[in-house]
Amino acid sequence: MSRYRSGNQAGRVIAVVADVMAVILGLWILMYLLDANRGNDLVQFVHDAASWLAGWSRDLFTFDEEWARVVAGYGLAAVVYLFVGHAIAGRMQRH
């Protein structure tokens, strides 16, 4: 019984971490599209965190419009983190 609970709890932690990562990426996309003040500390923190999280997908697409590159690159990272994080969490909860 104790083993089941630990797997269930670890799965929840993984799902929450994946959700937080996706929220940071989504928040940066929103801030970018709304032209948030990049001199603001919060905006800079979100940008830095999102850039680190999307380092592998940030420049994956070469659309002519910069907003499309931001939405596609950071959005892909958010979707992948959600999908993989929740898939791992689901597997952990079944075992």
N, C-alpha and C. Protein backbone atom coordinates (compact mmCIF):
# COMPACT_ATOMS: atom_id res chain seq x y z
N MET A 1 0.82 -1.19 0.00
CA MET A 1 0.00 0.00 0.00
C MET A 1 0.86 1.26 0.00
N SER A 2 1.93 1.28 0.78
CA SER A 2 2.82 2.42 0.85
C SER A 2 3.47 2.69 -0.51
N ARG A 3 3.81 1.65 -1.22
CA ARG A 3 4.43 1.79 -2.54
C ARG A 3 3.47 2.45 -3.52
N TYR A 4 2.20 2.07 -3.48
CA TYR A 4 1.19 2.66 -4.36
C TYR A 4 1.05 4.16 -4.10
N ARG A 5 1.02 4.53 -2.84
CA ARG A 5 0.87 5.95 -2.50
C ARG A 5 2.06 6.78 -2.95
N SER A 6 3.26 6.23 -2.82
CA SER A 6 4.44 7.00 -3.23
C SER A 6 4.47 7.20 -4.74
N GLY A 7 4.07 6.18 -5.49
CA GLY A 7 4.00 6.32 -6.94
C GLY A 7 2.95 7.32 -7.35
N ASN A 8 1.82 7.30 -6.68
CA ASN A 8 0.75 8.23 -6.95
C ASN A 8 1.19 9.66 -6.64
N GLN A 9 1.86 9.85 -5.52
CA GLN A 9 2.34 11.17 -5.13
C GLN A 9 3.45 11.66 -6.07
N ALA A 10 4.36 10.78 -6.45
CA ALA A 10 5.42 11.16 -7.39
C ALA A 10 4.82 11.53 -8.74
N GLY A 11 3.81 10.80 -9.16
CA GLY A 11 3.13 11.13 -10.41
C GLY A 11 2.49 12.49 -10.37
N ARG A 12 1.87 12.82 -9.24
CA ARG A 12 1.26 14.15 -9.10
C ARG A 12 2.32 15.25 -9.15
N VAL A 13 3.46 15.01 -8.51
CA VAL A 13 4.54 16.00 -8.52
C VAL A 13 5.03 16.23 -9.95
N ILE A 14 5.22 15.15 -10.69
CA ILE A 14 5.68 15.27 -12.09
C ILE A 14 4.66 16.04 -12.92
N ALA A 15 3.38 15.75 -12.73
CA ALA A 15 2.33 16.45 -13.48
C ALA A 15 2.32 17.93 -13.14
N VAL A 16 2.48 18.27 -11.87
CA VAL A 16 2.48 19.68 -11.45
C VAL A 16 3.70 20.40 -12.03
N VAL A 17 4.86 19.76 -12.00
CA VAL A 17 6.07 20.37 -12.57
C VAL A 17 5.87 20.62 -14.07
N ALA A 18 5.30 19.65 -14.79
CA ALA A 18 5.02 19.83 -16.21
C ALA A 18 4.05 20.98 -16.44
N ASP A 19 3.04 21.08 -15.59
CA ASP A 19 2.07 22.18 -15.70
C ASP A 19 2.72 23.53 -15.48
N VAL A 20 3.58 23.62 -14.47
CA VAL A 20 4.27 24.89 -14.18
C VAL A 20 5.16 25.29 -15.35
N MET A 21 5.87 24.32 -15.92
CA MET A 21 6.72 24.62 -17.07
C MET A 21 5.89 25.14 -18.24
N ALA A 22 4.76 24.50 -18.49
CA ALA A 22 3.89 24.93 -19.59
C ALA A 22 3.30 26.32 -19.32
N VAL A 23 2.96 26.60 -18.07
CA VAL A 23 2.42 27.92 -17.73
C VAL A 23 3.46 29.01 -17.96
N ILE A 24 4.71 28.74 -17.58
CA ILE A 24 5.78 29.73 -17.80
C ILE A 24 5.93 30.00 -19.30
N LEU A 25 5.93 28.94 -20.10
CA LEU A 25 6.06 29.11 -21.55
C LEU A 25 4.86 29.85 -22.13
N GLY A 26 3.67 29.49 -21.69
CA GLY A 26 2.47 30.17 -22.17
C GLY A 26 2.43 31.63 -21.74
N LEU A 27 2.88 31.89 -20.53
CA LEU A 27 2.93 33.26 -20.04
C LEU A 27 3.88 34.10 -20.86
N TRP A 28 5.03 33.53 -21.25
CA TRP A 28 5.96 34.29 -22.09
C TRP A 28 5.35 34.57 -23.46
N ILE A 29 4.67 33.58 -24.04
CA ILE A 29 4.02 33.81 -25.34
C ILE A 29 3.02 34.96 -25.22
N LEU A 30 2.22 34.94 -24.17
CA LEU A 30 1.24 36.00 -23.95
C LEU A 30 1.92 37.36 -23.76
N MET A 31 2.96 37.39 -22.94
CA MET A 31 3.69 38.64 -22.71
C MET A 31 4.31 39.16 -24.00
N TYR A 32 4.85 38.25 -24.81
CA TYR A 32 5.45 38.65 -26.08
C TYR A 32 4.39 39.25 -27.00
N LEU A 33 3.26 38.55 -27.14
CA LEU A 33 2.21 39.02 -28.04
C LEU A 33 1.60 40.34 -27.60
N LEU A 34 1.57 40.56 -26.27
CA LEU A 34 1.02 41.82 -25.75
C LEU A 34 2.09 42.90 -25.61
N ASP A 35 3.30 42.61 -26.07
CA ASP A 35 4.41 43.55 -26.06
C ASP A 35 4.69 44.08 -24.65
N ALA A 36 4.87 43.14 -23.71
CA ALA A 36 5.16 43.50 -22.33
C ALA A 36 6.51 44.22 -22.24
N ASN A 37 6.63 45.07 -21.24
CA ASN A 37 7.84 45.87 -21.03
C ASN A 37 9.00 44.95 -20.63
N ARG A 38 9.97 44.79 -21.50
CA ARG A 38 11.10 43.89 -21.24
C ARG A 38 12.05 44.44 -20.19
N GLY A 39 11.87 45.67 -19.79
CA GLY A 39 12.67 46.23 -18.72
C GLY A 39 12.14 45.84 -17.34
N ASN A 40 10.93 45.32 -17.29
CA ASN A 40 10.31 44.90 -16.04
C ASN A 40 10.96 43.61 -15.55
N ASP A 41 11.22 43.53 -14.24
CA ASP A 41 11.90 42.36 -13.67
C ASP A 41 11.09 41.07 -13.85
N LEU A 42 9.78 41.13 -13.66
CA LEU A 42 8.94 39.94 -13.83
C LEU A 42 8.97 39.45 -15.27
N VAL A 43 8.83 40.37 -16.20
CA VAL A 43 8.86 40.02 -17.62
C VAL A 43 10.22 39.40 -17.97
N GLN A 44 11.29 39.98 -17.46
CA GLN A 44 12.62 39.45 -17.73
C GLN A 44 12.80 38.06 -17.14
N PHE A 45 12.30 37.85 -15.92
CA PHE A 45 12.39 36.53 -15.28
C PHE A 45 11.63 35.48 -16.09
N VAL A 46 10.41 35.81 -16.50
CA VAL A 46 9.60 34.86 -17.30
C VAL A 46 10.29 34.58 -18.63
N HIS A 47 10.84 35.61 -19.26
CA HIS A 47 11.54 35.43 -20.53
C HIS A 47 12.75 34.53 -20.37
N ASP A 48 13.55 34.77 -19.34
CA ASP A 48 14.74 33.95 -19.11
C ASP A 48 14.37 32.49 -18.83
N ALA A 49 13.36 32.29 -17.99
CA ALA A 49 12.94 30.92 -17.67
C ALA A 49 12.38 30.23 -18.91
N ALA A 50 11.56 30.93 -19.69
CA ALA A 50 10.98 30.34 -20.89
C ALA A 50 12.06 30.05 -21.94
N SER A 51 13.02 30.93 -22.06
CA SER A 51 14.11 30.70 -23.02
C SER A 51 14.91 29.46 -22.64
N TRP A 52 15.14 29.27 -21.35
CA TRP A 52 15.87 28.09 -20.90
C TRP A 52 15.05 26.83 -21.16
N LEU A 53 13.75 26.88 -20.83
CA LEU A 53 12.89 25.71 -21.01
C LEU A 53 12.72 25.35 -22.49
N ALA A 54 12.69 26.34 -23.35
CA ALA A 54 12.47 26.10 -24.77
C ALA A 54 13.76 26.17 -25.58
N GLY A 55 14.88 25.99 -24.92
CA GLY A 55 16.16 26.08 -25.61
C GLY A 55 16.27 25.14 -26.80
N TRP A 56 15.66 23.98 -26.71
CA TRP A 56 15.72 22.98 -27.78
C TRP A 56 14.73 23.26 -28.91
N SER A 57 13.70 24.06 -28.67
CA SER A 57 12.67 24.28 -29.70
C SER A 57 12.53 25.75 -30.10
N ARG A 58 13.24 26.61 -29.42
CA ARG A 58 13.07 28.06 -29.61
C ARG A 58 13.29 28.50 -31.05
N ASP A 59 14.32 28.01 -31.71
CA ASP A 59 14.62 28.42 -33.09
C ASP A 59 14.39 27.30 -34.08
N LEU A 60 13.47 26.42 -33.76
CA LEU A 60 13.20 25.27 -34.61
C LEU A 60 12.49 25.66 -35.91
N PHE A 61 11.66 26.67 -35.84
CA PHE A 61 10.87 27.09 -37.00
C PHE A 61 11.42 28.38 -37.58
N THR A 62 11.26 28.56 -38.89
CA THR A 62 11.82 29.74 -39.56
C THR A 62 10.74 30.55 -40.27
N PHE A 63 9.64 30.80 -39.59
CA PHE A 63 8.59 31.63 -40.16
C PHE A 63 9.12 33.04 -40.39
N ASP A 64 8.55 33.73 -41.36
CA ASP A 64 8.98 35.10 -41.64
C ASP A 64 8.63 36.05 -40.50
N GLU A 65 7.48 35.85 -39.91
CA GLU A 65 7.04 36.72 -38.82
C GLU A 65 7.61 36.24 -37.49
N GLU A 66 8.19 37.15 -36.72
CA GLU A 66 8.81 36.78 -35.44
C GLU A 66 7.77 36.25 -34.46
N TRP A 67 6.56 36.83 -34.44
CA TRP A 67 5.54 36.37 -33.51
C TRP A 67 5.18 34.91 -33.77
N ALA A 68 5.19 34.49 -35.03
CA ALA A 68 4.88 33.09 -35.37
C ALA A 68 5.99 32.17 -34.88
N ARG A 69 7.24 32.60 -34.98
CA ARG A 69 8.36 31.79 -34.45
C ARG A 69 8.26 31.63 -32.94
N VAL A 70 7.89 32.71 -32.26
CA VAL A 70 7.76 32.66 -30.79
C VAL A 70 6.63 31.72 -30.40
N VAL A 71 5.48 31.88 -31.03
CA VAL A 71 4.32 31.03 -30.69
C VAL A 71 4.62 29.57 -31.01
N ALA A 72 5.19 29.29 -32.16
CA ALA A 72 5.46 27.90 -32.55
C ALA A 72 6.57 27.28 -31.70
N GLY A 73 7.66 27.98 -31.50
CA GLY A 73 8.79 27.43 -30.77
C GLY A 73 8.50 27.21 -29.29
N TYR A 74 7.99 28.24 -28.64
CA TYR A 74 7.69 28.13 -27.21
C TYR A 74 6.43 27.30 -26.99
N GLY A 75 5.48 27.40 -27.91
CA GLY A 75 4.25 26.60 -27.79
C GLY A 75 4.53 25.12 -27.94
N LEU A 76 5.41 24.75 -28.86
CA LEU A 76 5.77 23.34 -29.02
C LEU A 76 6.39 22.81 -27.74
N ALA A 77 7.27 23.57 -27.13
CA ALA A 77 7.90 23.13 -25.88
C ALA A 77 6.84 22.93 -24.80
N ALA A 78 5.88 23.84 -24.69
CA ALA A 78 4.82 23.72 -23.68
C ALA A 78 4.01 22.46 -23.90
N VAL A 79 3.63 22.19 -25.14
CA VAL A 79 2.83 21.00 -25.45
C VAL A 79 3.62 19.73 -25.16
N VAL A 80 4.89 19.70 -25.52
CA VAL A 80 5.72 18.52 -25.27
C VAL A 80 5.87 18.27 -23.78
N TYR A 81 6.14 19.33 -23.00
CA TYR A 81 6.27 19.16 -21.56
C TYR A 81 4.97 18.65 -20.94
N LEU A 82 3.85 19.19 -21.38
CA LEU A 82 2.57 18.71 -20.86
C LEU A 82 2.33 17.25 -21.21
N PHE A 83 2.54 16.91 -22.47
CA PHE A 83 2.28 15.55 -22.93
C PHE A 83 3.20 14.55 -22.23
N VAL A 84 4.48 14.82 -22.24
CA VAL A 84 5.45 13.89 -21.64
C VAL A 84 5.27 13.83 -20.12
N GLY A 85 5.10 14.97 -19.47
CA GLY A 85 4.95 15.00 -18.03
C GLY A 85 3.72 14.23 -17.57
N HIS A 86 2.61 14.44 -18.25
CA HIS A 86 1.38 13.75 -17.85
C HIS A 86 1.41 12.28 -18.25
N ALA A 87 2.09 11.95 -19.33
CA ALA A 87 2.24 10.53 -19.69
C ALA A 87 3.06 9.79 -18.64
N ILE A 88 4.15 10.39 -18.21
CA ILE A 88 4.98 9.77 -17.16
C ILE A 88 4.18 9.67 -15.86
N ALA A 89 3.48 10.73 -15.51
CA ALA A 89 2.68 10.71 -14.29
C ALA A 89 1.61 9.63 -14.35
N GLY A 90 0.98 9.46 -15.48
CA GLY A 90 -0.03 8.43 -15.65
C GLY A 90 0.55 7.03 -15.51
N ARG A 91 1.72 6.83 -16.10
CA ARG A 91 2.38 5.51 -15.97
C ARG A 91 2.74 5.22 -14.52
N MET A 92 3.19 6.24 -13.81
CA MET A 92 3.59 6.04 -12.42
C MET A 92 2.39 5.71 -11.55
N GLN A 93 1.26 6.30 -11.85
CA GLN A 93 0.06 6.06 -11.04
C GLN A 93 -0.53 4.68 -11.29
N ARG A 94 -0.28 4.11 -12.46
CA ARG A 94 -0.78 2.76 -12.77
C ARG A 94 0.05 1.69 -12.12
N HIS A 95 1.30 2.00 -11.82
CA HIS A 95 2.19 0.96 -11.26
C HIS A 95 2.34 1.07 -9.78
